[in-house]
Amino acid sequence: MSVECREKIVDEPKTSPVAADLLAHYDAHARDLPWRVAPADRRAGVRPDPYRVWLSEVMLQQTTVAAVTGYFDRFVTRWPTVDALAAAPDEDVLAAWAGLGYYARARNLIACVRTVAAGHGGQFPDTEAGLRTLPGIGDYTAASVAAIAFDRPSAVVDANVERVTARLYAIETPLPAARTEIRARVAALVPADRPGDFAQAMMDLGATVCTPRNPSCLLCPLAQHCAARAAGIAESLPVKLPKKPRPQRTGTAWWIEQDGKVLLVQRPGSGMLGGMRALPDDGWSARGDGNAEPPMTGQWQRIDAAVAHVFTHFSLDLALALYRGPQIDKVAFENLNGAIWWPVDNIAGAGLPTLFAKAAAVAIQHR
């Protein structure tokens, strides 16, 4: 063999047996997702839309594919491009996001897309470093967009990939301490020729085969490589430290209705449910209970029902009270931030976050 031929072979991108087996499985079993370019189409030269990739990754943070799909379809139908979403009023975007949860993502979404539109000519940067300069984009989102949209050899590690990798290499160090090793292991596996497909294949494997409970090891394309399967410990990995119990908080929401309309306010731009329309409440937060003080004097009727809601870091029992008069005066109305009268028969159109949508449903039943 000539020196030139040997050098050519050395220079060709290498794909590990693990990556090769995983990609073969992905080619046959890739999930059909609205933001994804199928592997066959991708090999034929179809490129993913970075806007759709970014939007899906923001929505999928701490949220399931099943929950996200409908929201994604509605967003891209209403705002099909960077410029369209960047031009949308904040309240429209926040209302469209209502019910998806983790509302800081929606505020970051607005800031990010406007930065891309105004500062990058409507085009997302094509590197991890460039993507990390955008508002709301951290290491994970930067890596996933770089890999999936631009085929950069980035190590994309979400909860599914953590689980697959911990089992593949029998990593028994508890999370989060194990993440440094997991990321290094993933980075070593990323193939030079199909990094975007590899990232999605790892996510799919964790979501459909290498599941948290009862993993389908007999169907797994990586079974022959899996150290945890060989040791009989697959289901016990990754090791997670016990979660601290969530604190329990209490609060009150106030239903003020006149002439078929309910009084809604706009929550402060930062903090819990920031910028969203909501019912007035008594200042409950993750750090403490509400003060039970109504937003104005008058006759109040307590409802014998409460709304239970679980946030990431605490649980909330939200009591409800109905305003029975007298007529709301202009001063009291103007003292409430972003106050607006909203038709009760179109309360669904207000875009209330899940907590207040549940509270409104209870109030309507008892008014």
Protein backbone atom coordinates (compact mmCIF):
# COMPACT_ATOMS: atom_id res chain seq x y z
CA MET A 1 0.00 0.00 0.00
CA SER A 2 1.39 3.41 -0.96
CA VAL A 3 2.18 6.08 1.66
CA GLU A 4 -0.42 8.32 0.04
CA CYS A 5 -3.10 5.64 0.39
CA ARG A 6 -2.19 4.92 4.02
CA GLU A 7 -2.36 8.64 4.86
CA LYS A 8 -5.77 8.90 3.21
CA ILE A 9 -7.12 6.09 5.38
CA VAL A 10 -5.67 7.67 8.53
CA ASP A 11 -7.24 11.01 7.67
CA GLU A 12 -10.74 9.61 7.08
CA PRO A 13 -13.25 10.22 9.90
CA LYS A 14 -13.58 7.26 12.24
CA THR A 15 -16.87 6.02 13.66
CA SER A 16 -16.69 3.86 16.77
CA PRO A 17 -18.55 0.53 16.86
CA VAL A 18 -20.93 2.04 19.43
CA ALA A 19 -21.76 5.01 17.19
CA ALA A 20 -22.04 2.82 14.10
CA ASP A 21 -24.51 0.43 15.76
CA LEU A 22 -26.51 3.32 17.19
CA LEU A 23 -26.74 5.14 13.86
CA ALA A 24 -27.82 1.97 12.06
CA HIS A 25 -30.64 1.60 14.59
CA TYR A 26 -31.55 5.28 14.22
CA ASP A 27 -31.73 4.96 10.43
CA ALA A 28 -34.36 2.26 10.87
CA HIS A 29 -36.23 3.53 13.93
CA ALA A 30 -35.88 7.33 14.18
CA ARG A 31 -38.93 9.02 15.66
CA ASP A 32 -40.98 11.16 13.30
CA LEU A 33 -40.94 14.58 14.97
CA PRO A 34 -42.14 17.85 13.41
CA TRP A 35 -38.83 19.65 13.98
CA ARG A 36 -36.65 16.78 12.75
CA VAL A 37 -35.22 16.01 9.31
CA ALA A 38 -35.44 12.23 8.81
CA PRO A 39 -32.04 10.51 8.51
CA ALA A 40 -32.63 9.45 4.90
CA ASP A 41 -33.56 13.02 3.91
CA ARG A 42 -30.58 14.36 5.80
CA ARG A 43 -28.21 12.05 3.93
CA ALA A 44 -29.86 13.23 0.70
CA GLY A 45 -28.82 16.79 1.53
CA VAL A 46 -31.89 18.24 3.30
CA ARG A 47 -30.70 20.55 6.05
CA PRO A 48 -32.60 21.26 9.28
CA ASP A 49 -34.00 24.75 9.83
CA PRO A 50 -31.97 26.19 12.75
CA TYR A 51 -34.99 28.20 13.88
CA ARG A 52 -37.13 25.07 14.24
CA VAL A 53 -34.30 23.17 15.94
CA TRP A 54 -33.74 26.00 18.42
CA LEU A 55 -37.47 26.44 19.12
CA SER A 56 -37.93 22.73 19.74
CA GLU A 57 -34.93 22.53 22.06
CA VAL A 58 -36.16 25.47 24.16
CA MET A 59 -39.62 23.91 24.43
CA LEU A 60 -38.25 20.46 25.27
CA GLN A 61 -36.26 21.63 28.30
CA GLN A 62 -37.79 19.73 31.25
CA THR A 63 -40.84 18.92 29.11
CA THR A 64 -41.88 15.78 27.23
CA VAL A 65 -42.13 15.40 23.46
CA ALA A 66 -45.84 14.62 23.82
CA ALA A 67 -46.47 17.88 25.67
CA VAL A 68 -44.38 19.97 23.27
CA THR A 69 -45.57 18.76 19.86
CA GLY A 70 -48.87 20.66 19.77
CA TYR A 71 -47.26 23.88 21.03
CA PHE A 72 -44.48 23.60 18.48
CA ASP A 73 -46.93 23.14 15.61
CA ARG A 74 -48.98 26.15 16.72
CA PHE A 75 -45.89 28.34 17.11
CA VAL A 76 -44.41 27.58 13.68
CA THR A 77 -47.80 27.94 12.02
CA ARG A 78 -48.32 31.35 13.59
CA TRP A 79 -44.68 32.47 13.51
CA PRO A 80 -42.86 30.44 10.82
CA THR A 81 -39.61 32.42 10.82
CA VAL A 82 -37.19 34.20 13.12
CA ASP A 83 -38.43 37.59 11.96
CA ALA A 84 -42.09 36.67 12.47
CA LEU A 85 -41.55 35.56 16.06
CA ALA A 86 -39.26 38.50 16.80
CA ALA A 87 -41.99 40.92 15.71
CA ALA A 88 -44.71 39.29 17.84
CA PRO A 89 -45.93 41.22 20.92
CA ASP A 90 -44.72 39.79 24.21
CA GLU A 91 -48.23 39.14 25.47
CA ASP A 92 -49.11 37.08 22.37
CA VAL A 93 -46.04 34.86 22.76
CA LEU A 94 -46.60 34.42 26.50
CA ALA A 95 -50.26 33.58 25.92
CA ALA A 96 -49.32 31.01 23.26
CA TRP A 97 -46.86 29.48 25.72
CA ALA A 98 -49.45 29.27 28.53
CA GLY A 99 -49.74 25.75 29.90
CA LEU A 100 -46.29 24.63 28.77
CA GLY A 101 -44.71 25.68 32.08
CA TYR A 102 -41.28 26.97 33.08
CA TYR A 103 -42.23 30.43 31.88
CA ALA A 104 -38.73 31.87 32.11
CA ARG A 105 -38.13 29.92 28.91
CA ALA A 106 -40.76 31.99 27.12
CA ARG A 107 -39.16 35.26 28.25
CA ASN A 108 -35.74 33.99 27.18
CA LEU A 109 -37.25 32.84 23.88
CA ILE A 110 -38.44 36.37 23.13
CA ALA A 111 -35.09 37.94 24.07
CA CYS A 112 -33.13 35.40 22.05
CA VAL A 113 -35.13 35.58 18.84
CA ARG A 114 -35.06 39.38 18.87
CA THR A 115 -31.28 39.33 19.30
CA VAL A 116 -30.95 36.95 16.35
CA ALA A 117 -33.25 39.12 14.23
CA ALA A 118 -31.62 42.42 15.13
CA GLY A 119 -27.99 41.48 15.65
CA HIS A 120 -27.42 38.46 13.41
CA GLY A 121 -29.48 39.20 10.32
CA GLY A 122 -32.07 36.60 11.28
CA GLN A 123 -29.48 33.79 11.19
CA PHE A 124 -28.46 31.71 14.19
CA PRO A 125 -24.70 31.43 14.81
CA ASP A 126 -23.44 28.03 13.64
CA THR A 127 -21.04 27.26 16.49
CA GLU A 128 -21.46 26.43 20.15
CA ALA A 129 -19.46 29.49 21.15
CA GLY A 130 -21.56 31.78 18.97
CA LEU A 131 -24.83 30.28 20.19
CA ARG A 132 -23.83 30.72 23.83
CA THR A 133 -23.67 34.48 23.33
CA LEU A 134 -27.44 34.59 22.77
CA PRO A 135 -29.87 35.26 25.65
CA GLY A 136 -31.24 32.15 27.29
CA ILE A 137 -28.91 29.72 25.53
CA GLY A 138 -26.73 27.68 27.85
CA ASP A 139 -24.30 24.86 27.25
CA TYR A 140 -26.88 22.18 26.49
CA THR A 141 -28.97 24.22 24.03
CA ALA A 142 -25.85 25.54 22.31
CA ALA A 143 -24.50 22.02 21.86
CA SER A 144 -27.80 20.60 20.62
CA VAL A 145 -28.44 23.37 18.07
CA ALA A 146 -24.82 23.28 16.89
CA ALA A 147 -24.97 19.51 16.39
CA ILE A 148 -28.48 19.06 15.02
CA ALA A 149 -28.79 22.20 12.90
CA PHE A 150 -25.17 22.61 11.77
CA ASP A 151 -23.57 19.14 12.21
CA ARG A 152 -20.94 20.45 14.58
CA PRO A 153 -19.24 17.64 16.59
CA SER A 154 -20.80 18.72 19.88
CA ALA A 155 -21.45 16.53 22.92
CA VAL A 156 -25.20 16.82 23.49
CA VAL A 157 -26.14 15.52 26.94
CA ASP A 158 -29.70 15.62 28.24
CA ALA A 159 -31.32 13.33 30.83
CA ASN A 160 -31.85 10.58 28.27
CA VAL A 161 -28.24 10.71 27.13
CA GLU A 162 -27.03 10.73 30.74
CA ARG A 163 -28.94 7.52 31.38
CA VAL A 164 -27.73 5.76 28.22
CA THR A 165 -24.11 6.73 28.87
CA ALA A 166 -24.14 5.87 32.57
CA ARG A 167 -25.38 2.40 31.69
CA LEU A 168 -23.16 1.93 28.68
CA TYR A 169 -20.05 2.50 30.80
CA ALA A 170 -21.49 1.35 34.18
CA ILE A 171 -20.80 4.75 35.74
CA GLU A 172 -21.84 4.34 39.38
CA THR A 173 -20.83 7.82 40.58
CA PRO A 174 -24.07 9.57 41.61
CA LEU A 175 -25.42 12.50 39.64
CA PRO A 176 -24.62 15.34 39.44
CA ALA A 177 -20.97 14.45 40.18
CA ALA A 178 -20.99 11.91 37.32
CA ARG A 179 -21.75 14.52 34.67
CA THR A 180 -18.12 15.40 33.94
CA GLU A 181 -17.30 11.79 33.09
CA ILE A 182 -20.54 11.31 31.17
CA ARG A 183 -19.88 14.37 29.01
CA ALA A 184 -16.33 13.20 28.29
CA ARG A 185 -17.62 9.75 27.30
CA VAL A 186 -20.22 11.23 24.96
CA ALA A 187 -17.68 13.60 23.39
CA ALA A 188 -15.40 10.63 22.63
CA LEU A 189 -18.26 8.82 20.84
CA VAL A 190 -19.46 11.67 18.60
CA PRO A 191 -18.71 10.70 14.98
CA ALA A 192 -17.21 13.32 12.70
CA ASP A 193 -19.52 12.56 9.79
CA ARG A 194 -23.00 12.48 11.44
CA PRO A 195 -22.90 14.33 14.76
CA GLY A 196 -26.44 15.70 14.44
CA ASP A 197 -27.96 12.29 13.77
CA PHE A 198 -25.84 10.79 16.56
CA ALA A 199 -27.17 13.35 19.07
CA GLN A 200 -30.76 12.61 18.10
CA ALA A 201 -30.13 8.85 18.07
CA MET A 202 -28.86 8.97 21.66
CA MET A 203 -31.93 10.94 22.74
CA ASP A 204 -34.26 8.52 20.95
CA LEU A 205 -32.58 5.50 22.49
CA GLY A 206 -33.05 6.90 25.99
CA ALA A 207 -36.66 7.87 25.30
CA THR A 208 -37.80 4.60 23.71
CA VAL A 209 -35.45 1.73 24.65
CA CYS A 210 -33.06 2.64 27.48
CA THR A 211 -35.91 3.92 29.64
CA PRO A 212 -35.67 4.77 33.37
CA ARG A 213 -37.64 1.69 34.39
CA ASN A 214 -37.75 -1.67 32.64
CA PRO A 215 -35.21 -0.85 29.91
CA SER A 216 -35.67 -2.99 26.78
CA CYS A 217 -32.16 -4.42 26.81
CA LEU A 218 -33.08 -7.26 24.42
CA LEU A 219 -34.02 -4.70 21.77
CA CYS A 220 -31.12 -2.33 22.39
CA PRO A 221 -28.63 -1.88 19.55
CA LEU A 222 -25.91 -1.20 22.13
CA ALA A 223 -26.58 -4.29 24.27
CA GLN A 224 -23.31 -5.97 23.28
CA HIS A 225 -21.37 -2.85 24.32
CA CYS A 226 -23.23 -2.16 27.58
CA ALA A 227 -21.20 -2.70 30.74
CA ALA A 228 -24.21 -2.20 33.03
CA ARG A 229 -26.18 -4.89 31.21
CA ALA A 230 -23.26 -7.28 31.51
CA ALA A 231 -23.10 -6.58 35.24
CA GLY A 232 -26.85 -6.85 35.70
CA ILE A 233 -27.18 -3.30 37.08
CA ALA A 234 -28.68 -1.40 34.14
CA GLU A 235 -31.93 -0.41 35.82
CA SER A 236 -30.11 0.96 38.89
CA LEU A 237 -28.20 3.53 36.82
CA PRO A 238 -27.70 6.42 36.78
CA VAL A 239 -27.42 6.76 40.54
CA LYS A 240 -29.30 9.78 41.87
CA LEU A 241 -29.07 11.28 45.31
CA PRO A 242 -32.38 11.50 47.22
CA LYS A 243 -34.34 14.64 46.42
CA LYS A 244 -35.02 17.13 49.15
CA PRO A 245 -38.74 17.35 49.99
CA ARG A 246 -40.53 20.27 48.38
CA PRO A 247 -41.67 22.98 50.79
CA GLN A 248 -45.44 23.48 51.00
CA ARG A 249 -46.73 27.02 50.44
CA THR A 250 -50.19 28.56 50.67
CA GLY A 251 -51.72 31.56 48.98
CA THR A 252 -54.97 33.12 47.82
CA ALA A 253 -56.21 34.19 44.40
CA TRP A 254 -58.96 36.78 44.05
CA TRP A 255 -61.79 36.48 41.50
CA ILE A 256 -63.25 39.93 40.78
CA GLU A 257 -66.07 39.79 38.25
CA GLN A 258 -68.33 42.57 36.99
CA ASP A 259 -70.64 42.72 33.97
CA GLY A 260 -69.48 39.34 32.66
CA LYS A 261 -65.79 40.25 32.85
CA VAL A 262 -63.10 39.20 35.28
CA LEU A 263 -60.26 41.40 36.43
CA LEU A 264 -56.85 40.09 35.37
CA VAL A 265 -53.43 41.53 36.14
CA GLN A 266 -50.00 41.16 34.59
CA ARG A 267 -47.36 39.60 36.79
CA PRO A 268 -43.97 41.34 37.07
CA GLY A 269 -41.61 40.65 34.20
CA SER A 270 -39.15 38.70 36.32
CA GLY A 271 -39.79 35.98 38.86
CA MET A 272 -42.44 33.29 39.10
CA LEU A 273 -44.74 33.25 36.03
CA GLY A 274 -43.15 36.54 34.98
CA GLY A 275 -45.01 38.68 32.47
CA MET A 276 -48.06 36.38 32.35
CA ARG A 277 -51.68 37.42 32.75
CA ALA A 278 -53.11 36.08 36.00
CA LEU A 279 -55.70 36.55 38.70
CA PRO A 280 -54.66 38.96 41.46
CA ASP A 281 -53.07 37.07 44.37
CA ASP A 282 -51.65 37.71 47.83
CA GLY A 283 -47.93 37.55 47.11
CA TRP A 284 -47.16 33.86 47.68
CA SER A 285 -43.77 32.72 46.40
CA ALA A 286 -41.30 29.85 46.55
CA ARG A 287 -39.90 31.44 49.70
CA GLY A 288 -43.06 32.03 51.68
CA ASP A 289 -46.83 31.94 52.04
CA GLY A 290 -49.13 34.69 50.86
CA ASN A 291 -50.39 37.32 53.28
CA ALA A 292 -54.12 36.61 52.62
CA GLU A 293 -54.74 40.36 52.18
CA PRO A 294 -57.21 41.13 49.34
CA PRO A 295 -56.26 43.71 46.70
CA MET A 296 -59.12 46.00 47.77
CA THR A 297 -61.69 46.36 50.52
CA GLY A 298 -65.15 44.96 50.00
CA GLN A 299 -67.25 41.87 50.50
CA TRP A 300 -65.36 38.63 49.83
CA GLN A 301 -66.72 35.11 49.71
CA ARG A 302 -64.24 32.32 50.37
CA ILE A 303 -64.68 29.24 48.19
CA ASP A 304 -64.57 25.89 49.93
CA ALA A 305 -62.06 24.56 47.41
CA ALA A 306 -58.37 25.01 46.77
CA VAL A 307 -56.15 24.51 43.77
CA ALA A 308 -53.11 22.30 44.33
CA HIS A 309 -50.15 22.91 42.05
CA VAL A 310 -46.59 21.57 42.01
CA PHE A 311 -43.73 23.79 40.89
CA THR A 312 -40.14 22.62 40.47
CA HIS A 313 -39.02 23.73 43.93
CA PHE A 314 -42.22 23.90 45.98
CA SER A 315 -45.87 22.89 46.15
CA LEU A 316 -48.70 25.39 46.45
CA ASP A 317 -52.25 25.22 47.81
CA LEU A 318 -54.07 28.23 46.36
CA ALA A 319 -57.31 29.26 48.05
CA LEU A 320 -59.92 31.29 46.16
CA ALA A 321 -62.19 34.15 47.14
CA LEU A 322 -64.93 35.86 45.10
CA TYR A 323 -65.54 39.62 45.22
CA ARG A 324 -69.16 40.50 45.95
CA GLY A 325 -69.04 44.29 45.80
CA PRO A 326 -69.27 47.18 45.76
CA GLN A 327 -68.44 48.34 42.23
CA ILE A 328 -64.68 48.56 41.60
CA ASP A 329 -63.61 52.17 41.52
CA LYS A 330 -61.08 53.58 39.07
CA VAL A 331 -58.36 54.13 41.67
CA ALA A 332 -58.48 50.53 42.90
CA PHE A 333 -58.35 49.29 39.30
CA GLU A 334 -55.37 51.45 38.35
CA ASN A 335 -53.41 50.34 41.43
CA LEU A 336 -53.26 46.81 40.03
CA ASN A 337 -50.35 46.14 37.66
CA GLY A 338 -51.50 45.72 34.06
CA ALA A 339 -55.14 45.41 35.11
CA ILE A 340 -57.56 44.47 32.36
CA TRP A 341 -61.20 43.36 32.26
CA TRP A 342 -61.42 40.06 30.38
CA PRO A 343 -64.65 38.36 29.16
CA VAL A 344 -65.35 35.37 31.38
CA ASP A 345 -66.81 33.41 28.46
CA ASN A 346 -63.44 33.71 26.69
CA ILE A 347 -61.20 33.05 29.68
CA ALA A 348 -59.35 30.40 27.66
CA GLY A 349 -58.18 33.14 25.31
CA ALA A 350 -56.41 35.02 28.12
CA GLY A 351 -53.44 32.66 28.03
CA LEU A 352 -53.40 32.10 31.78
CA PRO A 353 -50.64 29.85 33.11
CA THR A 354 -51.85 26.44 34.28
CA LEU A 355 -52.14 27.39 37.95
CA PHE A 356 -54.44 30.34 37.27
CA ALA A 357 -56.35 28.52 34.53
CA LYS A 358 -57.21 25.86 37.14
CA ALA A 359 -58.14 28.56 39.65
CA ALA A 360 -60.37 30.30 37.09
CA ALA A 361 -62.17 27.03 36.35
CA VAL A 362 -62.90 26.53 40.05
CA ALA A 363 -64.06 30.12 40.47
CA ILE A 364 -66.41 29.89 37.48
CA GLN A 365 -68.02 26.81 39.00
CA HIS A 366 -68.68 28.63 42.27
CA ARG A 367 -69.50 32.20 41.21
